[in-house]
């Protein structure tokens, strides 16, 4: 899937923060984590975690679902695969724009 430049920028912006990268790394195992589990491994407050999770979910990199009183999060592997394809397309570009998302 080709996203707009703005959508790619939103994804990369979401990853351009050390705390959000730490969160993504916690989620990389594929298991669902509740906000309380994520918070245990970070030196931030709950409102700060909420801000970071909002950024990650709005970018599409993380999925969330409400479970009683907790939010549970998983990594969106499909979205990461699409980002990887975009980057691979940039790296492998040899003769004009193909399906890299660089089309005008």
PDB file of N, CA and C in Angstrom:
ATOM      1  N   UNK A   1       0.846  -1.184   0.000  1.00  0.00           N
ATOM      2  CA  UNK A   1       0.000   0.000   0.000  1.00  0.00           C
ATOM      3  C   UNK A   1       0.881   1.232   0.000  1.00  0.00           C
ATOM      4  N   UNK A   2       0.518   2.204  -0.779  1.00  0.00           N
ATOM      5  CA  UNK A   2       1.238   3.467  -0.809  1.00  0.00           C
ATOM      6  C   UNK A   2       0.491   4.487   0.040  1.00  0.00           C
ATOM      7  N   UNK A   3       1.184   5.003   1.036  1.00  0.00           N
ATOM      8  CA  UNK A   3       0.634   6.065   1.861  1.00  0.00           C
ATOM      9  C   UNK A   3       1.080   7.392   1.281  1.00  0.00           C
ATOM     10  N   UNK A   4       0.423   8.448   1.701  1.00  0.00           N
ATOM     11  CA  UNK A   4       0.855   9.777   1.294  1.00  0.00           C
ATOM     12  C   UNK A   4       2.142  10.117   2.044  1.00  0.00           C
ATOM     13  N   UNK A   5       2.839  11.108   1.534  1.00  0.00           N
ATOM     14  CA  UNK A   5       4.060  11.547   2.218  1.00  0.00           C
ATOM     15  C   UNK A   5       3.752  11.962   3.649  1.00  0.00           C
ATOM     16  N   UNK A   6       2.607  12.582   3.852  1.00  0.00           N
ATOM     17  CA  UNK A   6       2.216  12.999   5.202  1.00  0.00           C
ATOM     18  C   UNK A   6       2.023  11.825   6.149  1.00  0.00           C
ATOM     19  N   UNK A   7       1.459  10.727   5.635  1.00  0.00           N
ATOM     20  CA  UNK A   7       1.260   9.542   6.467  1.00  0.00           C
ATOM     21  C   UNK A   7       2.592   8.888   6.831  1.00  0.00           C
ATOM     22  N   UNK A   8       3.506   8.833   5.854  1.00  0.00           N
ATOM     23  CA  UNK A   8       4.837   8.300   6.162  1.00  0.00           C
ATOM     24  C   UNK A   8       5.535   9.205   7.178  1.00  0.00           C
ATOM     25  N   UNK A   9       5.420  10.510   6.995  1.00  0.00           N
ATOM     26  CA  UNK A   9       6.055  11.443   7.929  1.00  0.00           C
ATOM     27  C   UNK A   9       5.520  11.243   9.343  1.00  0.00           C
ATOM     28  N   UNK A  10       4.219  11.007   9.473  1.00  0.00           N
ATOM     29  CA  UNK A  10       3.617  10.764  10.784  1.00  0.00           C
ATOM     30  C   UNK A  10       4.188   9.504  11.428  1.00  0.00           C
ATOM     31  N   UNK A  11       4.370   8.453  10.637  1.00  0.00           N
ATOM     32  CA  UNK A  11       4.942   7.212  11.164  1.00  0.00           C
ATOM     33  C   UNK A  11       6.383   7.429  11.620  1.00  0.00           C
ATOM     34  N   UNK A  12       7.176   8.102  10.782  1.00  0.00           N
ATOM     35  CA  UNK A  12       8.569   8.326  11.148  1.00  0.00           C
ATOM     36  C   UNK A  12       8.688   9.273  12.334  1.00  0.00           C
ATOM     37  N   UNK A  13       7.818  10.266  12.394  1.00  0.00           N
ATOM     38  CA  UNK A  13       7.818  11.181  13.539  1.00  0.00           C
ATOM     39  C   UNK A  13       7.512  10.419  14.823  1.00  0.00           C
ATOM     40  N   UNK A  14       6.588   9.471  14.748  1.00  0.00           N
ATOM     41  CA  UNK A  14       6.238   8.679  15.928  1.00  0.00           C
ATOM     42  C   UNK A  14       7.443   7.878  16.416  1.00  0.00           C
ATOM     43  N   UNK A  15       8.281   7.431  15.501  1.00  0.00           N
ATOM     44  CA  UNK A  15       9.459   6.645  15.871  1.00  0.00           C
ATOM     45  C   UNK A  15      10.665   7.513  16.231  1.00  0.00           C
ATOM     46  N   UNK A  16      10.563   8.810  16.010  1.00  0.00           N
ATOM     47  CA  UNK A  16      11.695   9.713  16.231  1.00  0.00           C
ATOM     48  C   UNK A  16      11.761  10.224  17.669  1.00  0.00           C
ATOM     49  N   UNK A  17      11.331   9.403  18.596  1.00  0.00           N
ATOM     50  CA  UNK A  17      11.355   9.759  20.010  1.00  0.00           C
ATOM     51  C   UNK A  17      11.882   8.550  20.782  1.00  0.00           C
ATOM     52  N   UNK A  18      12.835   8.771  21.660  1.00  0.00           N
ATOM     53  CA  UNK A  18      13.465   7.669  22.379  1.00  0.00           C
ATOM     54  C   UNK A  18      12.471   6.862  23.211  1.00  0.00           C
ATOM     55  N   UNK A  19      11.561   7.525  23.881  1.00  0.00           N
ATOM     56  CA  UNK A  19      10.583   6.809  24.704  1.00  0.00           C
ATOM     57  C   UNK A  19       9.669   5.955  23.838  1.00  0.00           C
ATOM     58  N   UNK A  20       9.216   6.502  22.715  1.00  0.00           N
ATOM     59  CA  UNK A  20       8.346   5.720  21.839  1.00  0.00           C
ATOM     60  C   UNK A  20       9.088   4.534  21.222  1.00  0.00           C
ATOM     61  N   UNK A  21      10.366   4.701  20.934  1.00  0.00           N
ATOM     62  CA  UNK A  21      11.153   3.562  20.455  1.00  0.00           C
ATOM     63  C   UNK A  21      11.253   2.480  21.528  1.00  0.00           C
ATOM     64  N   UNK A  22      11.407   2.883  22.770  1.00  0.00           N
ATOM     65  CA  UNK A  22      11.440   1.914  23.875  1.00  0.00           C
ATOM     66  C   UNK A  22      10.110   1.170  23.968  1.00  0.00           C
ATOM     67  N   UNK A  23       9.021   1.881  23.774  1.00  0.00           N
ATOM     68  CA  UNK A  23       7.692   1.257  23.820  1.00  0.00           C
ATOM     69  C   UNK A  23       7.555   0.248  22.681  1.00  0.00           C
ATOM     70  N   UNK A  24       7.950   0.640  21.480  1.00  0.00           N
ATOM     71  CA  UNK A  24       7.894  -0.269  20.332  1.00  0.00           C
ATOM     72  C   UNK A  24       8.730  -1.517  20.620  1.00  0.00           C
ATOM     73  N   UNK A  25       9.893  -1.340  21.210  1.00  0.00           N
ATOM     74  CA  UNK A  25      10.748  -2.489  21.532  1.00  0.00           C
ATOM     75  C   UNK A  25      10.080  -3.410  22.552  1.00  0.00           C
ATOM     76  N   UNK A  26       9.354  -2.849  23.500  1.00  0.00           N
ATOM     77  CA  UNK A  26       8.621  -3.682  24.465  1.00  0.00           C
ATOM     78  C   UNK A  26       7.549  -4.507  23.766  1.00  0.00           C
ATOM     79  N   UNK A  27       6.933  -3.937  22.754  1.00  0.00           N
ATOM     80  CA  UNK A  27       5.832  -4.600  22.056  1.00  0.00           C
ATOM     81  C   UNK A  27       6.304  -5.549  20.964  1.00  0.00           C
ATOM     82  N   UNK A  28       7.582  -5.542  20.647  1.00  0.00           N
ATOM     83  CA  UNK A  28       8.061  -6.297  19.483  1.00  0.00           C
ATOM     84  C   UNK A  28       7.877  -7.796  19.591  1.00  0.00           C
ATOM     85  N   UNK A  29       7.715  -8.331  20.792  1.00  0.00           N
ATOM     86  CA  UNK A  29       7.530  -9.771  20.937  1.00  0.00           C
ATOM     87  C   UNK A  29       6.195 -10.265  20.438  1.00  0.00           C
ATOM     88  N   UNK A  30       5.289  -9.352  20.130  1.00  0.00           N
ATOM     89  CA  UNK A  30       4.003  -9.732  19.580  1.00  0.00           C
ATOM     90  C   UNK A  30       2.914  -9.926  20.614  1.00  0.00           C
ATOM     91  N   UNK A  31       3.296  -9.984  21.887  1.00  0.00           N
ATOM     92  CA  UNK A  31       2.259 -10.169  22.898  1.00  0.00           C
ATOM     93  C   UNK A  31       1.607  -8.836  23.234  1.00  0.00           C
ATOM     94  N   UNK A  32       0.388  -8.927  23.657  1.00  0.00           N
ATOM     95  CA  UNK A  32      -0.387  -7.759  24.041  1.00  0.00           C
ATOM     96  C   UNK A  32       0.052  -7.318  25.437  1.00  0.00           C
ATOM     97  N   UNK A  33       0.306  -6.030  25.591  1.00  0.00           N
ATOM     98  CA  UNK A  33       0.694  -5.492  26.890  1.00  0.00           C
ATOM     99  C   UNK A  33      -0.297  -4.424  27.332  1.00  0.00           C
ATOM    100  N   UNK A  34      -0.594  -4.419  28.613  1.00  0.00           N
ATOM    101  CA  UNK A  34      -1.447  -3.347  29.125  1.00  0.00           C
ATOM    102  C   UNK A  34      -0.559  -2.147  29.457  1.00  0.00           C
ATOM    103  N   UNK A  35      -1.173  -0.996  29.531  1.00  0.00           N
ATOM    104  CA  UNK A  35      -0.437   0.232  29.793  1.00  0.00           C
ATOM    105  C   UNK A  35       0.370   0.117  31.081  1.00  0.00           C
ATOM    106  N   UNK A  36      -0.174  -0.565  32.077  1.00  0.00           N
ATOM    107  CA  UNK A  36       0.538  -0.687  33.356  1.00  0.00           C
ATOM    108  C   UNK A  36       1.848  -1.449  33.181  1.00  0.00           C
ATOM    109  N   UNK A  37       1.862  -2.480  32.332  1.00  0.00           N
ATOM    110  CA  UNK A  37       3.094  -3.229  32.072  1.00  0.00           C
ATOM    111  C   UNK A  37       4.123  -2.386  31.332  1.00  0.00           C
ATOM    112  N   UNK A  38       3.672  -1.621  30.379  1.00  0.00           N
ATOM    113  CA  UNK A  38       4.576  -0.741  29.630  1.00  0.00           C
ATOM    114  C   UNK A  38       5.167   0.293  30.570  1.00  0.00           C
ATOM    115  N   UNK A  39       4.342   0.863  31.419  1.00  0.00           N
ATOM    116  CA  UNK A  39       4.761   1.916  32.338  1.00  0.00           C
ATOM    117  C   UNK A  39       5.813   1.426  33.330  1.00  0.00           C
ATOM    118  N   UNK A  40       5.726   0.166  33.733  1.00  0.00           N
ATOM    119  CA  UNK A  40       6.686  -0.397  34.693  1.00  0.00           C
ATOM    120  C   UNK A  40       8.120  -0.302  34.204  1.00  0.00           C
ATOM    121  N   UNK A  41       8.320  -0.346  32.905  1.00  0.00           N
ATOM    122  CA  UNK A  41       9.664  -0.374  32.333  1.00  0.00           C
ATOM    123  C   UNK A  41      10.160   0.991  31.866  1.00  0.00           C
ATOM    124  N   UNK A  42       9.415   2.037  32.175  1.00  0.00           N
ATOM    125  CA  UNK A  42       9.791   3.385  31.756  1.00  0.00           C
ATOM    126  C   UNK A  42       9.804   4.314  32.955  1.00  0.00           C
ATOM    127  N   UNK A  43      10.598   5.346  32.888  1.00  0.00           N
ATOM    128  CA  UNK A  43      10.660   6.345  33.964  1.00  0.00           C
ATOM    129  C   UNK A  43       9.845   7.571  33.565  1.00  0.00           C
ATOM    130  N   UNK A  44       8.545   7.341  33.340  1.00  0.00           N
ATOM    131  CA  UNK A  44       7.642   8.428  32.962  1.00  0.00           C
ATOM    132  C   UNK A  44       6.346   8.282  33.751  1.00  0.00           C
ATOM    133  N   UNK A  45       5.532   9.310  33.705  1.00  0.00           N
ATOM    134  CA  UNK A  45       4.244   9.282  34.396  1.00  0.00           C
ATOM    135  C   UNK A  45       3.187   8.670  33.479  1.00  0.00           C
ATOM    136  N   UNK A  46       2.056   8.321  34.060  1.00  0.00           N
ATOM    137  CA  UNK A  46       0.959   7.747  33.283  1.00  0.00           C
ATOM    138  C   UNK A  46       0.443   8.732  32.231  1.00  0.00           C
ATOM    139  N   UNK A  47       0.278  10.031  32.561  1.00  0.00           N
ATOM    140  CA  UNK A  47      -0.171  10.960  31.511  1.00  0.00           C
ATOM    141  C   UNK A  47       0.824  11.069  30.348  1.00  0.00           C
ATOM    142  N   UNK A  48       2.105  10.982  30.653  1.00  0.00           N
ATOM    143  CA  UNK A  48       3.117  11.020  29.597  1.00  0.00           C
ATOM    144  C   UNK A  48       3.029   9.771  28.732  1.00  0.00           C
ATOM    145  N   UNK A  49       2.816   8.619  29.368  1.00  0.00           N
ATOM    146  CA  UNK A  49       2.631   7.384  28.607  1.00  0.00           C
ATOM    147  C   UNK A  49       1.419   7.512  27.692  1.00  0.00           C
ATOM    148  N   UNK A  50       0.340   8.049  28.200  1.00  0.00           N
ATOM    149  CA  UNK A  50      -0.870   8.223  27.390  1.00  0.00           C
ATOM    150  C   UNK A  50      -0.585   9.065  26.159  1.00  0.00           C
ATOM    151  N   UNK A  51       0.188  10.122  26.333  1.00  0.00           N
ATOM    152  CA  UNK A  51       0.550  10.987  25.202  1.00  0.00           C
ATOM    153  C   UNK A  51       1.333  10.188  24.154  1.00  0.00           C
ATOM    154  N   UNK A  52       2.321   9.423  24.600  1.00  0.00           N
ATOM    155  CA  UNK A  52       3.129   8.639  23.664  1.00  0.00           C
ATOM    156  C   UNK A  52       2.289   7.561  22.972  1.00  0.00           C
ATOM    157  N   UNK A  53       1.402   6.914  23.715  1.00  0.00           N
ATOM    158  CA  UNK A  53       0.573   5.869  23.113  1.00  0.00           C
ATOM    159  C   UNK A  53      -0.399   6.459  22.099  1.00  0.00           C
ATOM    160  N   UNK A  54      -0.892   7.641  22.365  1.00  0.00           N
ATOM    161  CA  UNK A  54      -1.776   8.311  21.410  1.00  0.00           C
ATOM    162  C   UNK A  54      -1.031   8.569  20.101  1.00  0.00           C
ATOM    163  N   UNK A  55       0.198   9.043  20.207  1.00  0.00           N
ATOM    164  CA  UNK A  55       1.007   9.293  19.017  1.00  0.00           C
ATOM    165  C   UNK A  55       1.240   8.008  18.238  1.00  0.00           C
ATOM    166  N   UNK A  56       1.587   6.933  18.945  1.00  0.00           N
ATOM    167  CA  UNK A  56       1.856   5.653  18.291  1.00  0.00           C
ATOM    168  C   UNK A  56       0.598   5.055  17.653  1.00  0.00           C
ATOM    169  N   UNK A  57      -0.543   5.169  18.324  1.00  0.00           N
ATOM    170  CA  UNK A  57      -1.768   4.610  17.760  1.00  0.00           C
ATOM    171  C   UNK A  57      -2.275   5.459  16.588  1.00  0.00           C
ATOM    172  N   UNK A  58      -2.165   6.776  16.697  1.00  0.00           N
ATOM    173  CA  UNK A  58      -2.609   7.634  15.596  1.00  0.00           C
ATOM    174  C   UNK A  58      -1.756   7.445  14.350  1.00  0.00           C
ATOM    175  N   UNK A  59      -0.501   7.069  14.536  1.00  0.00           N
ATOM    176  CA  UNK A  59       0.367   6.818  13.385  1.00  0.00           C
ATOM    177  C   UNK A  59       0.078   5.459  12.764  1.00  0.00           C
ATOM    178  N   UNK A  60      -0.662   4.611  13.481  1.00  0.00           N
ATOM    179  CA  UNK A  60      -0.984   3.283  12.989  1.00  0.00           C
ATOM    180  C   UNK A  60       0.050   2.226  13.338  1.00  0.00           C
ATOM    181  N   UNK A  61       1.119   2.608  14.036  1.00  0.00           N
ATOM    182  CA  UNK A  61       2.175   1.658  14.373  1.00  0.00           C
ATOM    183  C   UNK A  61       1.787   0.721  15.512  1.00  0.00           C
ATOM    184  N   UNK A  62       0.838   1.155  16.328  1.00  0.00           N
ATOM    185  CA  UNK A  62       0.394   0.368  17.478  1.00  0.00           C
ATOM    186  C   UNK A  62      -1.124   0.286  17.460  1.00  0.00           C
ATOM    187  N   UNK A  63      -1.631  -0.905  17.751  1.00  0.00           N
ATOM    188  CA  UNK A  63      -3.075  -1.115  17.903  1.00  0.00           C
ATOM    189  C   UNK A  63      -3.407  -1.067  19.381  1.00  0.00           C
ATOM    190  N   UNK A  64      -4.609  -0.623  19.708  1.00  0.00           N
ATOM    191  CA  UNK A  64      -5.026  -0.624  21.111  1.00  0.00           C
ATOM    192  C   UNK A  64      -6.465  -1.122  21.219  1.00  0.00           C
ATOM    193  N   UNK A  65      -6.759  -1.665  22.388  1.00  0.00           N
ATOM    194  CA  UNK A  65      -8.132  -2.048  22.689  1.00  0.00           C
ATOM    195  C   UNK A  65      -8.354  -1.860  24.176  1.00  0.00           C
ATOM    196  N   UNK A  66      -9.564  -1.504  24.517  1.00  0.00           N
ATOM    197  CA  UNK A  66      -9.919  -1.307  25.922  1.00  0.00           C
ATOM    198  C   UNK A  66     -10.346  -2.641  26.509  1.00  0.00           C
ATOM    199  N   UNK A  67      -9.811  -2.967  27.675  1.00  0.00           N
ATOM    200  CA  UNK A  67     -10.129  -4.195  28.391  1.00  0.00           C
ATOM    201  C   UNK A  67     -10.457  -3.805  29.825  1.00  0.00           C
ATOM    202  N   UNK A  68     -11.744  -3.692  30.113  1.00  0.00           N
ATOM    203  CA  UNK A  68     -12.206  -3.226  31.432  1.00  0.00           C
ATOM    204  C   UNK A  68     -11.606  -1.847  31.700  1.00  0.00           C
ATOM    205  N   UNK A  69     -10.738  -1.753  32.709  1.00  0.00           N
ATOM    206  CA  UNK A  69     -10.166  -0.458  33.073  1.00  0.00           C
ATOM    207  C   UNK A  69      -8.825  -0.163  32.412  1.00  0.00           C
ATOM    208  N   UNK A  70      -8.315  -1.092  31.640  1.00  0.00           N
ATOM    209  CA  UNK A  70      -6.980  -0.949  31.067  1.00  0.00           C
ATOM    210  C   UNK A  70      -7.037  -0.875  29.546  1.00  0.00           C
ATOM    211  N   UNK A  71      -6.036  -0.209  29.012  1.00  0.00           N
ATOM    212  CA  UNK A  71      -5.820  -0.224  27.570  1.00  0.00           C
ATOM    213  C   UNK A  71      -4.748  -1.265  27.306  1.00  0.00           C
ATOM    214  N   UNK A  72      -4.961  -2.054  26.278  1.00  0.00           N
ATOM    215  CA  UNK A  72      -3.988  -3.087  25.895  1.00  0.00           C
ATOM    216  C   UNK A  72      -3.474  -2.762  24.505  1.00  0.00           C
ATOM    217  N   UNK A  73      -2.177  -2.959  24.329  1.00  0.00           N
ATOM    218  CA  UNK A  73      -1.508  -2.529  23.103  1.00  0.00           C
ATOM    219  C   UNK A  73      -0.751  -3.671  22.441  1.00  0.00           C
ATOM    220  N   UNK A  74      -0.751  -3.649  21.126  1.00  0.00           N
ATOM    221  CA  UNK A  74       0.055  -4.567  20.321  1.00  0.00           C
ATOM    222  C   UNK A  74       0.683  -3.763  19.189  1.00  0.00           C
ATOM    223  N   UNK A  75       1.776  -4.286  18.699  1.00  0.00           N
ATOM    224  CA  UNK A  75       2.427  -3.646  17.564  1.00  0.00           C
ATOM    225  C   UNK A  75       1.631  -3.988  16.303  1.00  0.00           C
ATOM    226  N   UNK A  76       1.559  -3.059  15.386  1.00  0.00           N
ATOM    227  CA  UNK A  76       0.883  -3.290  14.112  1.00  0.00           C
ATOM    228  C   UNK A  76       1.942  -3.742  13.107  1.00  0.00           C
ATOM    229  N   UNK A  77       2.164  -5.038  13.035  1.00  0.00           N
ATOM    230  CA  UNK A  77       3.189  -5.598  12.173  1.00  0.00           C
ATOM    231  C   UNK A  77       3.003  -5.260  10.710  1.00  0.00           C
ATOM    232  N   UNK A  78       1.757  -5.197  10.264  1.00  0.00           N
ATOM    233  CA  UNK A  78       1.489  -4.860   8.865  1.00  0.00           C
ATOM    234  C   UNK A  78       1.996  -3.456   8.549  1.00  0.00           C
ATOM    235  N   UNK A  79       1.752  -2.537   9.456  1.00  0.00           N
ATOM    236  CA  UNK A  79       2.193  -1.146   9.230  1.00  0.00           C
ATOM    237  C   UNK A  79       3.720  -1.071   9.197  1.00  0.00           C
ATOM    238  N   UNK A  80       4.368  -1.814  10.097  1.00  0.00           N
ATOM    239  CA  UNK A  80       5.829  -1.832  10.089  1.00  0.00           C
ATOM    240  C   UNK A  80       6.365  -2.466   8.810  1.00  0.00           C
ATOM    241  N   UNK A  81       5.709  -3.509   8.328  1.00  0.00           N
ATOM    242  CA  UNK A  81       6.107  -4.132   7.062  1.00  0.00           C
ATOM    243  C   UNK A  81       5.988  -3.130   5.913  1.00  0.00           C
ATOM    244  N   UNK A  82       4.936  -2.333   5.927  1.00  0.00           N
ATOM    245  CA  UNK A  82       4.738  -1.338   4.880  1.00  0.00           C
ATOM    246  C   UNK A  82       5.803  -0.250   4.944  1.00  0.00           C
ATOM    247  N   UNK A  83       6.199   0.137   6.162  1.00  0.00           N
ATOM    248  CA  UNK A  83       7.292   1.100   6.308  1.00  0.00           C
ATOM    249  C   UNK A  83       8.588   0.504   5.769  1.00  0.00           C
ATOM    250  N   UNK A  84       8.815  -0.774   6.070  1.00  0.00           N
ATOM    251  CA  UNK A  84      10.025  -1.451   5.598  1.00  0.00           C
ATOM    252  C   UNK A  84      10.052  -1.501   4.072  1.00  0.00           C
ATOM    253  N   UNK A  85       8.904  -1.776   3.469  1.00  0.00           N
ATOM    254  CA  UNK A  85       8.829  -1.800   2.003  1.00  0.00           C
ATOM    255  C   UNK A  85       9.147  -0.425   1.423  1.00  0.00           C
ATOM    256  N   UNK A  86       8.654   0.612   2.087  1.00  0.00           N
ATOM    257  CA  UNK A  86       8.946   1.977   1.650  1.00  0.00           C
ATOM    258  C   UNK A  86      10.450   2.237   1.699  1.00  0.00           C
ATOM    259  N   UNK A  87      11.078   1.874   2.821  1.00  0.00           N
ATOM    260  CA  UNK A  87      12.521   2.078   2.967  1.00  0.00           C
ATOM    261  C   UNK A  87      13.308   1.228   1.977  1.00  0.00           C
ATOM    262  N   UNK A  88      12.891  -0.021   1.792  1.00  0.00           N
ATOM    263  CA  UNK A  88      13.558  -0.884   0.818  1.00  0.00           C
ATOM    264  C   UNK A  88      13.452  -0.295  -0.582  1.00  0.00           C
ATOM    265  N   UNK A  89      12.298   0.278  -0.890  1.00  0.00           N
ATOM    266  CA  UNK A  89      12.114   0.900  -2.193  1.00  0.00           C
ATOM    267  C   UNK A  89      13.030   2.082  -2.394  1.00  0.00           C
ATOM    268  N   UNK A  90      13.282   2.836  -1.342  1.00  0.00           N
ATOM    269  CA  UNK A  90      14.210   3.956  -1.439  1.00  0.00           C
ATOM    270  C   UNK A  90      15.630   3.463  -1.661  1.00  0.00           C
ATOM    271  N   UNK A  91      15.993   2.425  -0.944  1.00  0.00           N
ATOM    272  CA  UNK A  91      17.348   1.875  -1.016  1.00  0.00           C
ATOM    273  C   UNK A  91      17.600   1.224  -2.371  1.00  0.00           C
ATOM    274  N   UNK A  92      16.611   0.549  -2.901  1.00  0.00           N
ATOM    275  CA  UNK A  92      16.773  -0.213  -4.125  1.00  0.00           C
ATOM    276  C   UNK A  92      16.471   0.575  -5.385  1.00  0.00           C
ATOM    277  N   UNK A  93      16.105   1.821  -5.233  1.00  0.00           N
ATOM    278  CA  UNK A  93      15.742   2.669  -6.368  1.00  0.00           C
ATOM    279  C   UNK A  93      16.929   2.797  -7.317  1.00  0.00           C
ATOM    280  N   UNK A  94      16.720   2.427  -8.586  1.00  0.00           N
ATOM    281  CA  UNK A  94      17.815   2.545  -9.555  1.00  0.00           C
ATOM    282  C   UNK A  94      17.433   3.357 -10.786  1.00  0.00           C
ATOM    283  N   UNK A  95      16.163   3.427 -11.106  1.00  0.00           N
ATOM    284  CA  UNK A  95      15.820   4.146 -12.329  1.00  0.00           C
ATOM    285  C   UNK A  95      14.430   4.688 -12.307  1.00  0.00           C
ATOM    286  N   UNK A  96      14.234   5.807 -11.661  1.00  0.00           N
ATOM    287  CA  UNK A  96      12.906   6.400 -11.619  1.00  0.00           C
ATOM    288  C   UNK A  96      12.080   5.850 -10.479  1.00  0.00           C
ATOM    289  N   UNK A  97      11.085   6.600 -10.090  1.00  0.00           N
ATOM    290  CA  UNK A  97      10.236   6.202  -8.964  1.00  0.00           C
ATOM    291  C   UNK A  97       9.388   4.996  -9.333  1.00  0.00           C
ATOM    292  N   UNK A  98       9.401   4.005  -8.458  1.00  0.00           N
ATOM    293  CA  UNK A  98       8.522   2.850  -8.629  1.00  0.00           C
ATOM    294  C   UNK A  98       7.475   2.952  -7.534  1.00  0.00           C
ATOM    295  N   UNK A  99       7.200   1.868  -6.874  1.00  0.00           N
ATOM    296  CA  UNK A  99       6.161   1.881  -5.840  1.00  0.00           C
ATOM    297  C   UNK A  99       6.759   2.154  -4.472  1.00  0.00           C
ATOM    298  N   UNK A 100       7.591   3.188  -4.379  1.00  0.00           N
ATOM    299  CA  UNK A 100       8.253   3.535  -3.132  1.00  0.00           C
ATOM    300  C   UNK A 100       7.451   4.524  -2.312  1.00  0.00           C
ATOM    301  N   UNK A 101       6.433   5.080  -2.889  1.00  0.00           N
ATOM    302  CA  UNK A 101       5.721   6.144  -2.202  1.00  0.00           C
ATOM    303  C   UNK A 101       6.295   7.503  -2.561  1.00  0.00           C
ATOM    304  N   UNK A 102       7.264   7.545  -3.471  1.00  0.00           N
ATOM    305  CA  UNK A 102       7.897   8.791  -3.856  1.00  0.00           C
ATOM    306  C   UNK A 102       7.230   9.461  -5.045  1.00  0.00           C
ATOM    307  N   UNK A 103       6.188   8.827  -5.552  1.00  0.00           N
ATOM    308  CA  UNK A 103       5.494   9.425  -6.671  1.00  0.00           C
ATOM    309  C   UNK A 103       4.863  10.728  -6.202  1.00  0.00           C
ATOM    310  N   UNK A 104       4.813  11.706  -7.086  1.00  0.00           N
ATOM    311  CA  UNK A 104       4.262  13.015  -6.722  1.00  0.00           C
ATOM    312  C   UNK A 104       2.784  12.968  -6.497  1.00  0.00           C
TER     313      UNK A 104
END
